[in-house]
Amino acid sequence: MSDDDTPKYFSFEERQRQKARSRARDEERLARGEISATELQRESLQFRNLRRDRIALTRDKKTGKIVWLALEPKPVSKEEGD
């Protein structure tokens, strides 16, 4: 069995080093003016198309449609706010 055949394991330490290098690279890009903070934030989003106002719970067994949970803030009535 060669080294390439050994199982690969996730290394938290290596992942921390990767993230630190990435942050340093991003800070350098910002300092040089290659990218704006807003552009960097958009670039860094892992789930660009994720809707933050609702999540899928499951599929309806009869219709096959996705059942959604709305995450919209509950409106505050004037009586509750005072």
N, C-alpha and C. Protein backbone atom coordinates (compact mmCIF):
# COMPACT_ATOMS: atom_id res chain seq x y z
N MET A 1 0.85 -1.18 0.00
CA MET A 1 0.00 0.00 0.00
C MET A 1 0.89 1.24 0.00
N SER A 2 0.74 2.09 -1.00
CA SER A 2 1.55 3.31 -1.08
C SER A 2 0.90 4.42 -0.26
N ASP A 3 1.62 5.52 -0.11
CA ASP A 3 1.09 6.66 0.64
C ASP A 3 -0.19 7.21 0.01
N ASP A 4 -0.29 7.12 -1.32
CA ASP A 4 -1.48 7.62 -2.01
C ASP A 4 -2.72 6.78 -1.71
N ASP A 5 -2.51 5.53 -1.28
CA ASP A 5 -3.63 4.64 -1.01
C ASP A 5 -4.15 4.75 0.42
N THR A 6 -3.46 5.49 1.28
CA THR A 6 -3.89 5.60 2.66
C THR A 6 -5.15 6.45 2.74
N PRO A 7 -6.01 6.16 3.69
CA PRO A 7 -7.22 6.96 3.82
C PRO A 7 -6.90 8.41 4.19
N LYS A 8 -7.69 9.31 3.69
CA LYS A 8 -7.51 10.73 3.97
C LYS A 8 -8.44 11.11 5.12
N TYR A 9 -7.92 11.91 6.03
CA TYR A 9 -8.70 12.37 7.17
C TYR A 9 -8.72 13.89 7.18
N PHE A 10 -9.80 14.43 7.68
CA PHE A 10 -9.92 15.87 7.80
C PHE A 10 -9.03 16.36 8.92
N SER A 11 -8.24 17.38 8.65
CA SER A 11 -7.35 17.96 9.64
C SER A 11 -7.84 19.36 10.00
N PHE A 12 -8.29 19.53 11.22
CA PHE A 12 -8.75 20.85 11.66
C PHE A 12 -7.60 21.85 11.62
N GLU A 13 -6.41 21.40 11.98
CA GLU A 13 -5.25 22.30 11.98
C GLU A 13 -4.93 22.78 10.57
N GLU A 14 -4.96 21.86 9.61
CA GLU A 14 -4.69 22.25 8.23
C GLU A 14 -5.77 23.18 7.71
N ARG A 15 -7.01 22.92 8.07
CA ARG A 15 -8.11 23.79 7.63
C ARG A 15 -7.95 25.19 8.22
N GLN A 16 -7.51 25.29 9.48
CA GLN A 16 -7.26 26.60 10.09
C GLN A 16 -6.16 27.34 9.33
N ARG A 17 -5.12 26.61 8.95
CA ARG A 17 -4.02 27.24 8.19
C ARG A 17 -4.52 27.72 6.82
N GLN A 18 -5.36 26.91 6.16
CA GLN A 18 -5.91 27.31 4.86
C GLN A 18 -6.75 28.58 4.99
N LYS A 19 -7.59 28.62 6.02
CA LYS A 19 -8.44 29.79 6.22
C LYS A 19 -7.61 31.03 6.55
N ALA A 20 -6.55 30.86 7.35
CA ALA A 20 -5.68 31.99 7.69
C ALA A 20 -4.99 32.53 6.44
N ARG A 21 -4.51 31.63 5.58
CA ARG A 21 -3.87 32.06 4.32
C ARG A 21 -4.88 32.79 3.45
N SER A 22 -6.09 32.29 3.39
CA SER A 22 -7.13 32.91 2.58
C SER A 22 -7.47 34.31 3.11
N ARG A 23 -7.60 34.43 4.42
CA ARG A 23 -7.89 35.75 5.01
C ARG A 23 -6.76 36.73 4.74
N ALA A 24 -5.50 36.27 4.87
CA ALA A 24 -4.36 37.14 4.61
C ALA A 24 -4.35 37.59 3.14
N ARG A 25 -4.64 36.67 2.23
CA ARG A 25 -4.70 37.00 0.81
C ARG A 25 -5.81 38.02 0.54
N ASP A 26 -6.97 37.84 1.19
CA ASP A 26 -8.08 38.78 1.03
C ASP A 26 -7.72 40.16 1.56
N GLU A 27 -7.04 40.21 2.71
CA GLU A 27 -6.62 41.50 3.28
C GLU A 27 -5.64 42.21 2.36
N GLU A 28 -4.73 41.46 1.74
CA GLU A 28 -3.78 42.05 0.79
C GLU A 28 -4.50 42.61 -0.42
N ARG A 29 -5.47 41.88 -0.93
CA ARG A 29 -6.24 42.35 -2.09
C ARG A 29 -6.99 43.63 -1.75
N LEU A 30 -7.58 43.68 -0.54
CA LEU A 30 -8.27 44.90 -0.11
C LEU A 30 -7.29 46.07 0.00
N ALA A 31 -6.13 45.83 0.61
CA ALA A 31 -5.14 46.88 0.80
C ALA A 31 -4.63 47.43 -0.54
N ARG A 32 -4.47 46.57 -1.54
CA ARG A 32 -4.00 47.00 -2.86
C ARG A 32 -5.12 47.65 -3.68
N GLY A 33 -6.36 47.53 -3.22
CA GLY A 33 -7.48 48.11 -3.95
C GLY A 33 -7.95 47.25 -5.11
N GLU A 34 -7.55 46.00 -5.14
CA GLU A 34 -7.98 45.10 -6.21
C GLU A 34 -9.47 44.78 -6.13
N ILE A 35 -10.01 44.87 -4.93
CA ILE A 35 -11.40 44.47 -4.70
C ILE A 35 -11.96 45.32 -3.56
N SER A 36 -13.23 45.62 -3.64
CA SER A 36 -13.88 46.36 -2.55
C SER A 36 -14.36 45.38 -1.48
N ALA A 37 -14.65 45.90 -0.32
CA ALA A 37 -15.15 45.04 0.77
C ALA A 37 -16.45 44.37 0.38
N THR A 38 -17.31 45.09 -0.32
CA THR A 38 -18.59 44.53 -0.75
C THR A 38 -18.38 43.40 -1.76
N GLU A 39 -17.48 43.63 -2.71
CA GLU A 39 -17.19 42.59 -3.70
C GLU A 39 -16.59 41.35 -3.03
N LEU A 40 -15.71 41.57 -2.08
CA LEU A 40 -15.10 40.46 -1.36
C LEU A 40 -16.14 39.66 -0.60
N GLN A 41 -17.08 40.37 0.02
CA GLN A 41 -18.14 39.68 0.76
C GLN A 41 -18.97 38.83 -0.18
N ARG A 42 -19.33 39.38 -1.33
CA ARG A 42 -20.11 38.61 -2.30
C ARG A 42 -19.33 37.39 -2.79
N GLU A 43 -18.05 37.59 -3.03
CA GLU A 43 -17.20 36.50 -3.51
C GLU A 43 -17.07 35.39 -2.47
N SER A 44 -17.09 35.77 -1.22
CA SER A 44 -16.87 34.82 -0.14
C SER A 44 -18.12 34.05 0.27
N LEU A 45 -19.28 34.49 -0.17
CA LEU A 45 -20.51 33.79 0.20
C LEU A 45 -20.49 32.37 -0.36
N GLN A 46 -20.67 31.42 0.52
CA GLN A 46 -20.66 30.03 0.07
C GLN A 46 -21.97 29.64 -0.60
N PHE A 47 -23.05 30.23 -0.17
CA PHE A 47 -24.37 29.88 -0.69
C PHE A 47 -24.98 31.12 -1.32
N ARG A 48 -24.48 31.50 -2.49
CA ARG A 48 -24.92 32.74 -3.12
C ARG A 48 -26.41 32.78 -3.40
N ASN A 49 -26.98 31.65 -3.76
CA ASN A 49 -28.40 31.62 -4.14
C ASN A 49 -29.31 31.19 -3.00
N LEU A 50 -28.77 31.08 -1.81
CA LEU A 50 -29.57 30.66 -0.68
C LEU A 50 -30.55 31.76 -0.28
N ARG A 51 -31.79 31.39 -0.15
CA ARG A 51 -32.79 32.34 0.33
C ARG A 51 -32.77 32.32 1.84
N ARG A 52 -32.54 33.47 2.43
CA ARG A 52 -32.41 33.54 3.87
C ARG A 52 -33.75 33.75 4.58
N ASP A 53 -34.81 33.91 3.78
CA ASP A 53 -36.11 34.16 4.39
C ASP A 53 -36.97 32.91 4.50
N ARG A 54 -36.48 31.78 3.99
CA ARG A 54 -37.25 30.54 4.12
C ARG A 54 -36.33 29.34 3.91
N ILE A 55 -36.74 28.22 4.47
CA ILE A 55 -35.97 26.99 4.32
C ILE A 55 -36.92 25.85 3.95
N ALA A 56 -36.40 24.87 3.23
CA ALA A 56 -37.20 23.72 2.85
C ALA A 56 -37.20 22.72 4.00
N LEU A 57 -38.37 22.23 4.34
CA LEU A 57 -38.47 21.23 5.40
C LEU A 57 -38.49 19.82 4.84
N THR A 58 -39.38 19.59 3.88
CA THR A 58 -39.55 18.25 3.34
C THR A 58 -40.38 18.35 2.06
N ARG A 59 -40.63 17.24 1.45
CA ARG A 59 -41.54 17.19 0.30
C ARG A 59 -42.87 16.60 0.74
N ASP A 60 -43.94 17.16 0.22
CA ASP A 60 -45.27 16.63 0.47
C ASP A 60 -45.35 15.29 -0.25
N LYS A 61 -45.74 14.24 0.47
CA LYS A 61 -45.76 12.90 -0.11
C LYS A 61 -46.80 12.76 -1.21
N LYS A 62 -47.90 13.49 -1.11
CA LYS A 62 -48.95 13.38 -2.12
C LYS A 62 -48.63 14.16 -3.38
N THR A 63 -48.19 15.40 -3.22
CA THR A 63 -47.97 16.27 -4.39
C THR A 63 -46.52 16.31 -4.85
N GLY A 64 -45.59 15.99 -3.97
CA GLY A 64 -44.18 16.07 -4.32
C GLY A 64 -43.61 17.47 -4.21
N LYS A 65 -44.47 18.43 -3.81
CA LYS A 65 -44.01 19.81 -3.69
C LYS A 65 -43.25 19.99 -2.38
N ILE A 66 -42.31 20.93 -2.39
CA ILE A 66 -41.51 21.22 -1.21
C ILE A 66 -42.34 22.00 -0.20
N VAL A 67 -42.25 21.61 1.06
CA VAL A 67 -42.92 22.31 2.14
C VAL A 67 -41.91 23.29 2.71
N TRP A 68 -42.24 24.60 2.71
CA TRP A 68 -41.32 25.65 3.14
C TRP A 68 -41.69 26.17 4.51
N LEU A 69 -40.69 26.62 5.24
CA LEU A 69 -40.87 27.31 6.50
C LEU A 69 -40.43 28.74 6.30
N ALA A 70 -41.33 29.69 6.49
CA ALA A 70 -40.99 31.10 6.32
C ALA A 70 -40.23 31.59 7.55
N LEU A 71 -39.19 32.35 7.31
CA LEU A 71 -38.38 32.90 8.39
C LEU A 71 -38.51 34.41 8.48
N GLU A 72 -39.62 34.93 8.01
CA GLU A 72 -39.83 36.37 8.05
C GLU A 72 -40.08 36.80 9.48
N PRO A 73 -39.61 37.99 9.86
CA PRO A 73 -39.84 38.45 11.22
C PRO A 73 -41.33 38.65 11.49
N LYS A 74 -41.73 38.32 12.70
CA LYS A 74 -43.11 38.49 13.09
C LYS A 74 -43.40 39.98 13.24
N PRO A 75 -44.47 40.46 12.60
CA PRO A 75 -44.80 41.89 12.72
C PRO A 75 -45.18 42.22 14.17
N VAL A 76 -44.70 43.36 14.62
CA VAL A 76 -45.00 43.80 15.98
C VAL A 76 -46.17 44.76 15.92
N SER A 77 -47.21 44.45 16.70
CA SER A 77 -48.37 45.35 16.73
C SER A 77 -48.03 46.55 17.61
N LYS A 78 -48.80 47.61 17.45
CA LYS A 78 -48.56 48.82 18.23
C LYS A 78 -48.76 48.56 19.72
N GLU A 79 -49.70 47.67 20.04
CA GLU A 79 -49.96 47.35 21.43
C GLU A 79 -48.78 46.63 22.07
N GLU A 80 -48.12 45.71 21.32
CA GLU A 80 -46.97 44.97 21.85
C GLU A 80 -45.74 45.85 21.96
N GLY A 81 -45.59 46.82 21.05
CA GLY A 81 -44.42 47.66 21.01
C GLY A 81 -44.39 48.70 22.11
N ASP A 82 -45.53 49.06 22.66
CA ASP A 82 -45.59 50.11 23.71
C ASP A 82 -45.40 49.55 25.09
